């Protein structure tokens, strides 16, 4: 005699087991910790280039534009932000959230 036949002949234990598993599932679901603002790692890459003594105008034409053009060819790119100061170029590339950042 298999379980299905036994359950048809004795429905009370099968119904009680089903009810207990249902309540245990509901209780377990309610006991799960929920975070209102989950920690999300945004797919972002920052490139910093340093050339001591270089003027910002020189860095913009010779360095920043070339790196920006190279980054612009990547797939899944959402936004590029560039910051240029005396002797330093910082480029931040933000990718679409569904895409993984490029690896080496």
PDB file of N, CA and C in Angstrom:
ATOM      1  N   UNK A   1       0.856  -1.174   0.000  1.00  0.00           N
ATOM      2  CA  UNK A   1       0.000   0.000   0.000  1.00  0.00           C
ATOM      3  C   UNK A   1       0.905   1.241   0.000  1.00  0.00           C
ATOM      4  N   UNK A   2       0.665   2.118  -0.935  1.00  0.00           N
ATOM      5  CA  UNK A   2       1.490   3.312  -1.035  1.00  0.00           C
ATOM      6  C   UNK A   2       0.876   4.473  -0.245  1.00  0.00           C
ATOM      7  N   UNK A   3       1.604   5.584  -0.213  1.00  0.00           N
ATOM      8  CA  UNK A   3       1.198   6.737   0.591  1.00  0.00           C
ATOM      9  C   UNK A   3      -0.110   7.353   0.089  1.00  0.00           C
ATOM     10  N   UNK A   4      -0.305   7.396  -1.215  1.00  0.00           N
ATOM     11  CA  UNK A   4      -1.534   7.982  -1.771  1.00  0.00           C
ATOM     12  C   UNK A   4      -2.761   7.177  -1.355  1.00  0.00           C
ATOM     13  N   UNK A   5      -2.672   5.878  -1.421  1.00  0.00           N
ATOM     14  CA  UNK A   5      -3.808   5.035  -1.029  1.00  0.00           C
ATOM     15  C   UNK A   5      -4.090   5.185   0.457  1.00  0.00           C
ATOM     16  N   UNK A   6      -3.048   5.168   1.262  1.00  0.00           N
ATOM     17  CA  UNK A   6      -3.217   5.333   2.716  1.00  0.00           C
ATOM     18  C   UNK A   6      -3.845   6.692   3.030  1.00  0.00           C
ATOM     19  N   UNK A   7      -3.409   7.770   2.300  1.00  0.00           N
ATOM     20  CA  UNK A   7      -3.948   9.108   2.545  1.00  0.00           C
ATOM     21  C   UNK A   7      -5.419   9.206   2.163  1.00  0.00           C
ATOM     22  N   UNK A   8      -5.838   8.480   1.145  1.00  0.00           N
ATOM     23  CA  UNK A   8      -7.251   8.503   0.759  1.00  0.00           C
ATOM     24  C   UNK A   8      -8.091   7.792   1.817  1.00  0.00           C
ATOM     25  N   UNK A   9      -7.582   6.698   2.354  1.00  0.00           N
ATOM     26  CA  UNK A   9      -8.334   5.952   3.365  1.00  0.00           C
ATOM     27  C   UNK A   9      -8.302   6.641   4.723  1.00  0.00           C
ATOM     28  N   UNK A  10      -7.215   7.381   5.029  1.00  0.00           N
ATOM     29  CA  UNK A  10      -7.069   8.096   6.307  1.00  0.00           C
ATOM     30  C   UNK A  10      -6.753   9.570   6.017  1.00  0.00           C
ATOM     31  N   UNK A  11      -7.740  10.402   5.715  1.00  0.00           N
ATOM     32  CA  UNK A  11      -7.462  11.773   5.284  1.00  0.00           C
ATOM     33  C   UNK A  11      -7.011  12.705   6.426  1.00  0.00           C
ATOM     34  N   UNK A  12      -7.357  12.418   7.654  1.00  0.00           N
ATOM     35  CA  UNK A  12      -7.067  13.330   8.760  1.00  0.00           C
ATOM     36  C   UNK A  12      -5.550  13.544   8.940  1.00  0.00           C
ATOM     37  N   UNK A  13      -4.705  12.518   9.020  1.00  0.00           N
ATOM     38  CA  UNK A  13      -3.257  12.761   9.171  1.00  0.00           C
ATOM     39  C   UNK A  13      -2.660  13.533   7.997  1.00  0.00           C
ATOM     40  N   UNK A  14      -3.106  13.255   6.785  1.00  0.00           N
ATOM     41  CA  UNK A  14      -2.579  13.970   5.617  1.00  0.00           C
ATOM     42  C   UNK A  14      -2.977  15.446   5.661  1.00  0.00           C
ATOM     43  N   UNK A  15      -4.223  15.732   6.065  1.00  0.00           N
ATOM     44  CA  UNK A  15      -4.686  17.120   6.157  1.00  0.00           C
ATOM     45  C   UNK A  15      -3.942  17.851   7.267  1.00  0.00           C
ATOM     46  N   UNK A  16      -3.732  17.198   8.406  1.00  0.00           N
ATOM     47  CA  UNK A  16      -2.986  17.817   9.506  1.00  0.00           C
ATOM     48  C   UNK A  16      -1.532  18.084   9.112  1.00  0.00           C
ATOM     49  N   UNK A  17      -0.908  17.145   8.424  1.00  0.00           N
ATOM     50  CA  UNK A  17       0.464  17.351   7.959  1.00  0.00           C
ATOM     51  C   UNK A  17       0.529  18.537   7.002  1.00  0.00           C
ATOM     52  N   UNK A  18      -0.427  18.622   6.071  1.00  0.00           N
ATOM     53  CA  UNK A  18      -0.481  19.743   5.138  1.00  0.00           C
ATOM     54  C   UNK A  18      -0.659  21.064   5.883  1.00  0.00           C
ATOM     55  N   UNK A  19      -1.556  21.095   6.868  1.00  0.00           N
ATOM     56  CA  UNK A  19      -1.798  22.327   7.631  1.00  0.00           C
ATOM     57  C   UNK A  19      -0.560  22.715   8.427  1.00  0.00           C
ATOM     58  N   UNK A  20       0.114  21.747   9.062  1.00  0.00           N
ATOM     59  CA  UNK A  20       1.313  22.052   9.845  1.00  0.00           C
ATOM     60  C   UNK A  20       2.427  22.596   8.950  1.00  0.00           C
ATOM     61  N   UNK A  21       2.616  21.990   7.784  1.00  0.00           N
ATOM     62  CA  UNK A  21       3.644  22.484   6.867  1.00  0.00           C
ATOM     63  C   UNK A  21       3.305  23.871   6.333  1.00  0.00           C
ATOM     64  N   UNK A  22       2.019  24.137   6.108  1.00  0.00           N
ATOM     65  CA  UNK A  22       1.594  25.462   5.650  1.00  0.00           C
ATOM     66  C   UNK A  22       1.875  26.515   6.714  1.00  0.00           C
ATOM     67  N   UNK A  23       1.509  26.249   7.955  1.00  0.00           N
ATOM     68  CA  UNK A  23       1.757  27.206   9.032  1.00  0.00           C
ATOM     69  C   UNK A  23       3.248  27.376   9.298  1.00  0.00           C
ATOM     70  N   UNK A  24       4.018  26.297   9.204  1.00  0.00           N
ATOM     71  CA  UNK A  24       5.469  26.413   9.386  1.00  0.00           C
ATOM     72  C   UNK A  24       6.082  27.270   8.277  1.00  0.00           C
ATOM     73  N   UNK A  25       5.584  27.142   7.061  1.00  0.00           N
ATOM     74  CA  UNK A  25       6.069  27.959   5.956  1.00  0.00           C
ATOM     75  C   UNK A  25       5.726  29.428   6.130  1.00  0.00           C
ATOM     76  N   UNK A  26       4.517  29.706   6.565  1.00  0.00           N
ATOM     77  CA  UNK A  26       4.106  31.101   6.805  1.00  0.00           C
ATOM     78  C   UNK A  26       4.923  31.698   7.941  1.00  0.00           C
ATOM     79  N   UNK A  27       5.106  30.935   9.027  1.00  0.00           N
ATOM     80  CA  UNK A  27       5.901  31.427  10.162  1.00  0.00           C
ATOM     81  C   UNK A  27       7.358  31.667   9.738  1.00  0.00           C
ATOM     82  N   UNK A  28       7.916  30.761   8.953  1.00  0.00           N
ATOM     83  CA  UNK A  28       9.291  30.920   8.481  1.00  0.00           C
ATOM     84  C   UNK A  28       9.452  32.127   7.577  1.00  0.00           C
ATOM     85  N   UNK A  29       8.471  32.357   6.727  1.00  0.00           N
ATOM     86  CA  UNK A  29       8.523  33.524   5.838  1.00  0.00           C
ATOM     87  C   UNK A  29       8.473  34.821   6.629  1.00  0.00           C
ATOM     88  N   UNK A  30       7.614  34.878   7.649  1.00  0.00           N
ATOM     89  CA  UNK A  30       7.505  36.090   8.465  1.00  0.00           C
ATOM     90  C   UNK A  30       8.741  36.310   9.328  1.00  0.00           C
ATOM     91  N   UNK A  31       9.465  35.232   9.646  1.00  0.00           N
ATOM     92  CA  UNK A  31      10.659  35.345  10.483  1.00  0.00           C
ATOM     93  C   UNK A  31      11.898  35.761   9.692  1.00  0.00           C
ATOM     94  N   UNK A  32      11.802  35.787   8.355  1.00  0.00           N
ATOM     95  CA  UNK A  32      12.948  36.196   7.550  1.00  0.00           C
ATOM     96  C   UNK A  32      13.275  37.659   7.798  1.00  0.00           C
ATOM     97  N   UNK A  33      14.557  37.982   7.970  1.00  0.00           N
ATOM     98  CA  UNK A  33      14.910  39.388   8.156  1.00  0.00           C
ATOM     99  C   UNK A  33      14.766  40.147   6.833  1.00  0.00           C
ATOM    100  N   UNK A  34      14.151  41.309   6.913  1.00  0.00           N
ATOM    101  CA  UNK A  34      13.943  42.139   5.732  1.00  0.00           C
ATOM    102  C   UNK A  34      14.656  43.464   5.966  1.00  0.00           C
ATOM    103  N   UNK A  35      15.440  43.877   4.990  1.00  0.00           N
ATOM    104  CA  UNK A  35      16.182  45.121   5.099  1.00  0.00           C
ATOM    105  C   UNK A  35      15.553  46.135   4.146  1.00  0.00           C
ATOM    106  N   UNK A  36      15.181  47.293   4.687  1.00  0.00           N
ATOM    107  CA  UNK A  36      14.526  48.305   3.859  1.00  0.00           C
ATOM    108  C   UNK A  36      15.445  48.837   2.770  1.00  0.00           C
ATOM    109  N   UNK A  37      16.704  49.045   3.106  1.00  0.00           N
ATOM    110  CA  UNK A  37      17.670  49.565   2.149  1.00  0.00           C
ATOM    111  C   UNK A  37      18.838  48.585   2.065  1.00  0.00           C
ATOM    112  N   UNK A  38      18.743  47.586   1.189  1.00  0.00           N
ATOM    113  CA  UNK A  38      19.806  46.580   1.115  1.00  0.00           C
ATOM    114  C   UNK A  38      21.110  47.180   0.586  1.00  0.00           C
ATOM    115  N   UNK A  39      22.214  46.562   0.969  1.00  0.00           N
ATOM    116  CA  UNK A  39      23.519  46.992   0.493  1.00  0.00           C
ATOM    117  C   UNK A  39      23.691  46.522  -0.945  1.00  0.00           C
ATOM    118  N   UNK A  40      23.852  47.465  -1.841  1.00  0.00           N
ATOM    119  CA  UNK A  40      23.996  47.151  -3.254  1.00  0.00           C
ATOM    120  C   UNK A  40      25.344  47.696  -3.714  1.00  0.00           C
ATOM    121  N   UNK A  41      26.151  46.845  -4.303  1.00  0.00           N
ATOM    122  CA  UNK A  41      27.415  47.278  -4.881  1.00  0.00           C
ATOM    123  C   UNK A  41      27.155  47.681  -6.321  1.00  0.00           C
ATOM    124  N   UNK A  42      27.241  48.979  -6.572  1.00  0.00           N
ATOM    125  CA  UNK A  42      26.997  49.465  -7.920  1.00  0.00           C
ATOM    126  C   UNK A  42      28.190  49.121  -8.794  1.00  0.00           C
ATOM    127  N   UNK A  43      27.931  48.658 -10.009  1.00  0.00           N
ATOM    128  CA  UNK A  43      29.039  48.329 -10.906  1.00  0.00           C
ATOM    129  C   UNK A  43      29.710  49.611 -11.400  1.00  0.00           C
ATOM    130  N   UNK A  44      30.813  49.951 -10.753  1.00  0.00           N
ATOM    131  CA  UNK A  44      31.488  51.211 -11.022  1.00  0.00           C
ATOM    132  C   UNK A  44      32.990  50.970 -11.034  1.00  0.00           C
ATOM    133  N   UNK A  45      33.684  51.604 -11.984  1.00  0.00           N
ATOM    134  CA  UNK A  45      35.126  51.512 -12.090  1.00  0.00           C
ATOM    135  C   UNK A  45      35.681  52.925 -12.072  1.00  0.00           C
ATOM    136  N   UNK A  46      36.735  53.139 -11.265  1.00  0.00           N
ATOM    137  CA  UNK A  46      37.388  54.442 -11.201  1.00  0.00           C
ATOM    138  C   UNK A  46      38.811  54.305 -11.711  1.00  0.00           C
ATOM    139  N   UNK A  47      39.156  55.146 -12.681  1.00  0.00           N
ATOM    140  CA  UNK A  47      40.502  55.165 -13.249  1.00  0.00           C
ATOM    141  C   UNK A  47      41.145  56.477 -12.832  1.00  0.00           C
ATOM    142  N   UNK A  48      42.306  56.404 -12.169  1.00  0.00           N
ATOM    143  CA  UNK A  48      43.020  57.600 -11.740  1.00  0.00           C
ATOM    144  C   UNK A  48      44.385  57.624 -12.408  1.00  0.00           C
ATOM    145  N   UNK A  49      44.678  58.705 -13.082  1.00  0.00           N
ATOM    146  CA  UNK A  49      45.952  58.875 -13.776  1.00  0.00           C
ATOM    147  C   UNK A  49      46.647  60.100 -13.210  1.00  0.00           C
ATOM    148  N   UNK A  50      47.932  59.955 -12.898  1.00  0.00           N
ATOM    149  CA  UNK A  50      48.691  61.057 -12.292  1.00  0.00           C
ATOM    150  C   UNK A  50      49.894  61.370 -13.171  1.00  0.00           C
ATOM    151  N   UNK A  51      50.033  62.657 -13.489  1.00  0.00           N
ATOM    152  CA  UNK A  51      51.194  63.152 -14.221  1.00  0.00           C
ATOM    153  C   UNK A  51      51.607  64.462 -13.544  1.00  0.00           C
ATOM    154  N   UNK A  52      52.561  64.396 -12.620  1.00  0.00           N
ATOM    155  CA  UNK A  52      52.945  65.587 -11.852  1.00  0.00           C
ATOM    156  C   UNK A  52      53.399  66.733 -12.757  1.00  0.00           C
ATOM    157  N   UNK A  53      52.928  67.932 -12.436  1.00  0.00           N
ATOM    158  CA  UNK A  53      53.329  69.135 -13.139  1.00  0.00           C
ATOM    159  C   UNK A  53      52.557  69.430 -14.410  1.00  0.00           C
ATOM    160  N   UNK A  54      51.629  68.585 -14.796  1.00  0.00           N
ATOM    161  CA  UNK A  54      50.874  68.814 -16.030  1.00  0.00           C
ATOM    162  C   UNK A  54      49.692  69.743 -15.755  1.00  0.00           C
ATOM    163  N   UNK A  55      49.424  70.601 -16.707  1.00  0.00           N
ATOM    164  CA  UNK A  55      48.295  71.530 -16.590  1.00  0.00           C
ATOM    165  C   UNK A  55      46.997  70.795 -16.912  1.00  0.00           C
ATOM    166  N   UNK A  56      45.872  71.240 -16.323  1.00  0.00           N
ATOM    167  CA  UNK A  56      44.587  70.594 -16.604  1.00  0.00           C
ATOM    168  C   UNK A  56      44.213  70.581 -18.088  1.00  0.00           C
ATOM    169  N   UNK A  57      44.508  71.649 -18.822  1.00  0.00           N
ATOM    170  CA  UNK A  57      44.178  71.696 -20.244  1.00  0.00           C
ATOM    171  C   UNK A  57      44.965  70.640 -21.018  1.00  0.00           C
ATOM    172  N   UNK A  58      46.226  70.459 -20.654  1.00  0.00           N
ATOM    173  CA  UNK A  58      47.051  69.449 -21.311  1.00  0.00           C
ATOM    174  C   UNK A  58      46.543  68.047 -20.983  1.00  0.00           C
ATOM    175  N   UNK A  59      46.177  67.809 -19.730  1.00  0.00           N
ATOM    176  CA  UNK A  59      45.655  66.500 -19.332  1.00  0.00           C
ATOM    177  C   UNK A  59      44.339  66.189 -20.036  1.00  0.00           C
ATOM    178  N   UNK A  60      43.527  67.223 -20.240  1.00  0.00           N
ATOM    179  CA  UNK A  60      42.232  67.004 -20.885  1.00  0.00           C
ATOM    180  C   UNK A  60      42.411  66.526 -22.320  1.00  0.00           C
ATOM    181  N   UNK A  61      43.273  67.188 -23.074  1.00  0.00           N
ATOM    182  CA  UNK A  61      43.426  66.847 -24.481  1.00  0.00           C
ATOM    183  C   UNK A  61      44.258  65.593 -24.699  1.00  0.00           C
ATOM    184  N   UNK A  62      45.311  65.399 -23.918  1.00  0.00           N
ATOM    185  CA  UNK A  62      46.241  64.304 -24.177  1.00  0.00           C
ATOM    186  C   UNK A  62      45.892  63.014 -23.443  1.00  0.00           C
ATOM    187  N   UNK A  63      45.224  63.112 -22.306  1.00  0.00           N
ATOM    188  CA  UNK A  63      45.005  61.913 -21.491  1.00  0.00           C
ATOM    189  C   UNK A  63      43.518  61.585 -21.342  1.00  0.00           C
ATOM    190  N   UNK A  64      42.752  62.526 -20.801  1.00  0.00           N
ATOM    191  CA  UNK A  64      41.366  62.251 -20.429  1.00  0.00           C
ATOM    192  C   UNK A  64      40.510  61.853 -21.628  1.00  0.00           C
ATOM    193  N   UNK A  65      40.622  62.564 -22.723  1.00  0.00           N
ATOM    194  CA  UNK A  65      39.784  62.250 -23.894  1.00  0.00           C
ATOM    195  C   UNK A  65      40.108  60.879 -24.463  1.00  0.00           C
ATOM    196  N   UNK A  66      41.387  60.509 -24.460  1.00  0.00           N
ATOM    197  CA  UNK A  66      41.756  59.186 -24.986  1.00  0.00           C
ATOM    198  C   UNK A  66      41.185  58.070 -24.112  1.00  0.00           C
ATOM    199  N   UNK A  67      41.260  58.233 -22.797  1.00  0.00           N
ATOM    200  CA  UNK A  67      40.732  57.214 -21.888  1.00  0.00           C
ATOM    201  C   UNK A  67      39.212  57.168 -21.975  1.00  0.00           C
ATOM    202  N   UNK A  68      38.566  58.329 -22.038  1.00  0.00           N
ATOM    203  CA  UNK A  68      37.109  58.364 -22.174  1.00  0.00           C
ATOM    204  C   UNK A  68      36.657  57.677 -23.464  1.00  0.00           C
ATOM    205  N   UNK A  69      37.368  57.914 -24.557  1.00  0.00           N
ATOM    206  CA  UNK A  69      37.008  57.272 -25.828  1.00  0.00           C
ATOM    207  C   UNK A  69      37.173  55.758 -25.739  1.00  0.00           C
ATOM    208  N   UNK A  70      38.195  55.303 -25.036  1.00  0.00           N
ATOM    209  CA  UNK A  70      38.397  53.859 -24.865  1.00  0.00           C
ATOM    210  C   UNK A  70      37.298  53.249 -24.006  1.00  0.00           C
ATOM    211  N   UNK A  71      36.923  53.944 -22.935  1.00  0.00           N
ATOM    212  CA  UNK A  71      35.871  53.440 -22.052  1.00  0.00           C
ATOM    213  C   UNK A  71      34.505  53.467 -22.732  1.00  0.00           C
ATOM    214  N   UNK A  72      34.292  54.418 -23.621  1.00  0.00           N
ATOM    215  CA  UNK A  72      32.986  54.558 -24.277  1.00  0.00           C
ATOM    216  C   UNK A  72      32.664  53.365 -25.169  1.00  0.00           C
ATOM    217  N   UNK A  73      33.667  52.590 -25.558  1.00  0.00           N
ATOM    218  CA  UNK A  73      33.413  51.439 -26.423  1.00  0.00           C
ATOM    219  C   UNK A  73      32.942  50.213 -25.646  1.00  0.00           C
ATOM    220  N   UNK A  74      32.991  50.247 -24.304  1.00  0.00           N
ATOM    221  CA  UNK A  74      32.567  49.100 -23.497  1.00  0.00           C
ATOM    222  C   UNK A  74      31.051  48.946 -23.532  1.00  0.00           C
ATOM    223  N   UNK A  75      30.591  47.705 -23.531  1.00  0.00           N
ATOM    224  CA  UNK A  75      29.150  47.466 -23.537  1.00  0.00           C
ATOM    225  C   UNK A  75      28.589  47.592 -22.126  1.00  0.00           C
ATOM    226  N   UNK A  76      27.373  48.053 -22.003  1.00  0.00           N
ATOM    227  CA  UNK A  76      26.711  48.193 -20.715  1.00  0.00           C
ATOM    228  C   UNK A  76      27.093  49.453 -19.964  1.00  0.00           C
ATOM    229  N   UNK A  77      27.775  50.370 -20.606  1.00  0.00           N
ATOM    230  CA  UNK A  77      28.194  51.608 -19.956  1.00  0.00           C
ATOM    231  C   UNK A  77      27.005  52.545 -19.813  1.00  0.00           C
ATOM    232  N   UNK A  78      26.829  53.093 -18.610  1.00  0.00           N
ATOM    233  CA  UNK A  78      25.693  53.979 -18.350  1.00  0.00           C
ATOM    234  C   UNK A  78      26.117  55.441 -18.320  1.00  0.00           C
ATOM    235  N   UNK A  79      27.250  55.722 -17.633  1.00  0.00           N
ATOM    236  CA  UNK A  79      27.631  57.123 -17.424  1.00  0.00           C
ATOM    237  C   UNK A  79      29.132  57.204 -17.191  1.00  0.00           C
ATOM    238  N   UNK A  80      29.765  58.255 -17.716  1.00  0.00           N
ATOM    239  CA  UNK A  80      31.184  58.529 -17.460  1.00  0.00           C
ATOM    240  C   UNK A  80      31.292  59.915 -16.840  1.00  0.00           C
ATOM    241  N   UNK A  81      32.065  60.013 -15.748  1.00  0.00           N
ATOM    242  CA  UNK A  81      32.293  61.294 -15.093  1.00  0.00           C
ATOM    243  C   UNK A  81      33.796  61.506 -14.972  1.00  0.00           C
ATOM    244  N   UNK A  82      34.272  62.671 -15.400  1.00  0.00           N
ATOM    245  CA  UNK A  82      35.699  62.960 -15.383  1.00  0.00           C
ATOM    246  C   UNK A  82      35.965  64.176 -14.514  1.00  0.00           C
ATOM    247  N   UNK A  83      37.018  64.083 -13.717  1.00  0.00           N
ATOM    248  CA  UNK A  83      37.461  65.191 -12.874  1.00  0.00           C
ATOM    249  C   UNK A  83      38.942  65.416 -13.147  1.00  0.00           C
ATOM    250  N   UNK A  84      39.300  66.666 -13.495  1.00  0.00           N
ATOM    251  CA  UNK A  84      40.682  66.992 -13.834  1.00  0.00           C
ATOM    252  C   UNK A  84      41.160  68.108 -12.919  1.00  0.00           C
ATOM    253  N   UNK A  85      42.290  67.865 -12.254  1.00  0.00           N
ATOM    254  CA  UNK A  85      42.956  68.885 -11.439  1.00  0.00           C
ATOM    255  C   UNK A  85      44.421  68.932 -11.863  1.00  0.00           C
ATOM    256  N   UNK A  86      45.208  69.759 -11.225  1.00  0.00           N
ATOM    257  CA  UNK A  86      46.622  69.870 -11.576  1.00  0.00           C
ATOM    258  C   UNK A  86      47.329  68.534 -11.402  1.00  0.00           C
ATOM    259  N   UNK A  87      47.746  67.939 -12.506  1.00  0.00           N
ATOM    260  CA  UNK A  87      48.505  66.707 -12.480  1.00  0.00           C
ATOM    261  C   UNK A  87      47.717  65.446 -12.217  1.00  0.00           C
ATOM    262  N   UNK A  88      46.396  65.514 -12.208  1.00  0.00           N
ATOM    263  CA  UNK A  88      45.602  64.324 -11.870  1.00  0.00           C
ATOM    264  C   UNK A  88      44.301  64.282 -12.679  1.00  0.00           C
ATOM    265  N   UNK A  89      44.004  63.086 -13.221  1.00  0.00           N
ATOM    266  CA  UNK A  89      42.750  62.841 -13.934  1.00  0.00           C
ATOM    267  C   UNK A  89      42.063  61.675 -13.236  1.00  0.00           C
ATOM    268  N   UNK A  90      40.806  61.856 -12.887  1.00  0.00           N
ATOM    269  CA  UNK A  90      40.024  60.799 -12.255  1.00  0.00           C
ATOM    270  C   UNK A  90      38.768  60.583 -13.089  1.00  0.00           C
ATOM    271  N   UNK A  91      38.632  59.364 -13.628  1.00  0.00           N
ATOM    272  CA  UNK A  91      37.496  59.036 -14.488  1.00  0.00           C
ATOM    273  C   UNK A  91      36.714  57.920 -13.818  1.00  0.00           C
ATOM    274  N   UNK A  92      35.406  58.135 -13.623  1.00  0.00           N
ATOM    275  CA  UNK A  92      34.530  57.129 -13.034  1.00  0.00           C
ATOM    276  C   UNK A  92      33.551  56.662 -14.096  1.00  0.00           C
ATOM    277  N   UNK A  93      33.551  55.361 -14.351  1.00  0.00           N
ATOM    278  CA  UNK A  93      32.638  54.770 -15.328  1.00  0.00           C
ATOM    279  C   UNK A  93      31.605  53.945 -14.577  1.00  0.00           C
ATOM    280  N   UNK A  94      30.343  54.283 -14.762  1.00  0.00           N
ATOM    281  CA  UNK A  94      29.239  53.562 -14.112  1.00  0.00           C
ATOM    282  C   UNK A  94      28.549  52.697 -15.159  1.00  0.00           C
ATOM    283  N   UNK A  95      28.295  51.442 -14.783  1.00  0.00           N
ATOM    284  CA  UNK A  95      27.705  50.487 -15.710  1.00  0.00           C
ATOM    285  C   UNK A  95      26.253  50.222 -15.339  1.00  0.00           C
ATOM    286  N   UNK A  96      25.513  49.635 -16.272  1.00  0.00           N
ATOM    287  CA  UNK A  96      24.130  49.247 -16.038  1.00  0.00           C
ATOM    288  C   UNK A  96      24.117  48.223 -14.918  1.00  0.00           C
ATOM    289  N   UNK A  97      23.148  48.301 -14.019  1.00  0.00           N
ATOM    290  CA  UNK A  97      23.119  47.458 -12.830  1.00  0.00           C
ATOM    291  C   UNK A  97      23.029  45.974 -13.157  1.00  0.00           C
ATOM    292  N   UNK A  98      22.402  45.602 -14.253  1.00  0.00           N
ATOM    293  CA  UNK A  98      22.237  44.189 -14.598  1.00  0.00           C
ATOM    294  C   UNK A  98      23.518  43.587 -15.151  1.00  0.00           C
ATOM    295  N   UNK A  99      24.480  44.416 -15.521  1.00  0.00           N
ATOM    296  CA  UNK A  99      25.721  43.932 -16.120  1.00  0.00           C
ATOM    297  C   UNK A  99      26.815  43.866 -15.048  1.00  0.00           C
ATOM    298  N   UNK A 100      27.725  42.892 -15.185  1.00  0.00           N
ATOM    299  CA  UNK A 100      28.887  42.822 -14.317  1.00  0.00           C
ATOM    300  C   UNK A 100      29.962  43.763 -14.851  1.00  0.00           C
ATOM    301  N   UNK A 101      30.756  44.379 -13.962  1.00  0.00           N
ATOM    302  CA  UNK A 101      31.824  45.253 -14.448  1.00  0.00           C
ATOM    303  C   UNK A 101      32.875  44.430 -15.185  1.00  0.00           C
ATOM    304  N   UNK A 102      33.536  45.051 -16.141  1.00  0.00           N
ATOM    305  CA  UNK A 102      34.546  44.305 -16.910  1.00  0.00           C
ATOM    306  C   UNK A 102      35.712  43.913 -16.017  1.00  0.00           C
ATOM    307  N   UNK A 103      36.273  42.753 -16.281  1.00  0.00           N
ATOM    308  CA  UNK A 103      37.433  42.289 -15.532  1.00  0.00           C
ATOM    309  C   UNK A 103      38.625  42.241 -16.467  1.00  0.00           C
ATOM    310  N   UNK A 104      39.773  42.129 -15.871  1.00  0.00           N
ATOM    311  CA  UNK A 104      41.002  42.108 -16.668  1.00  0.00           C
ATOM    312  C   UNK A 104      41.165  40.802 -17.347  1.00  0.00           C
TER     313      UNK A 104
END
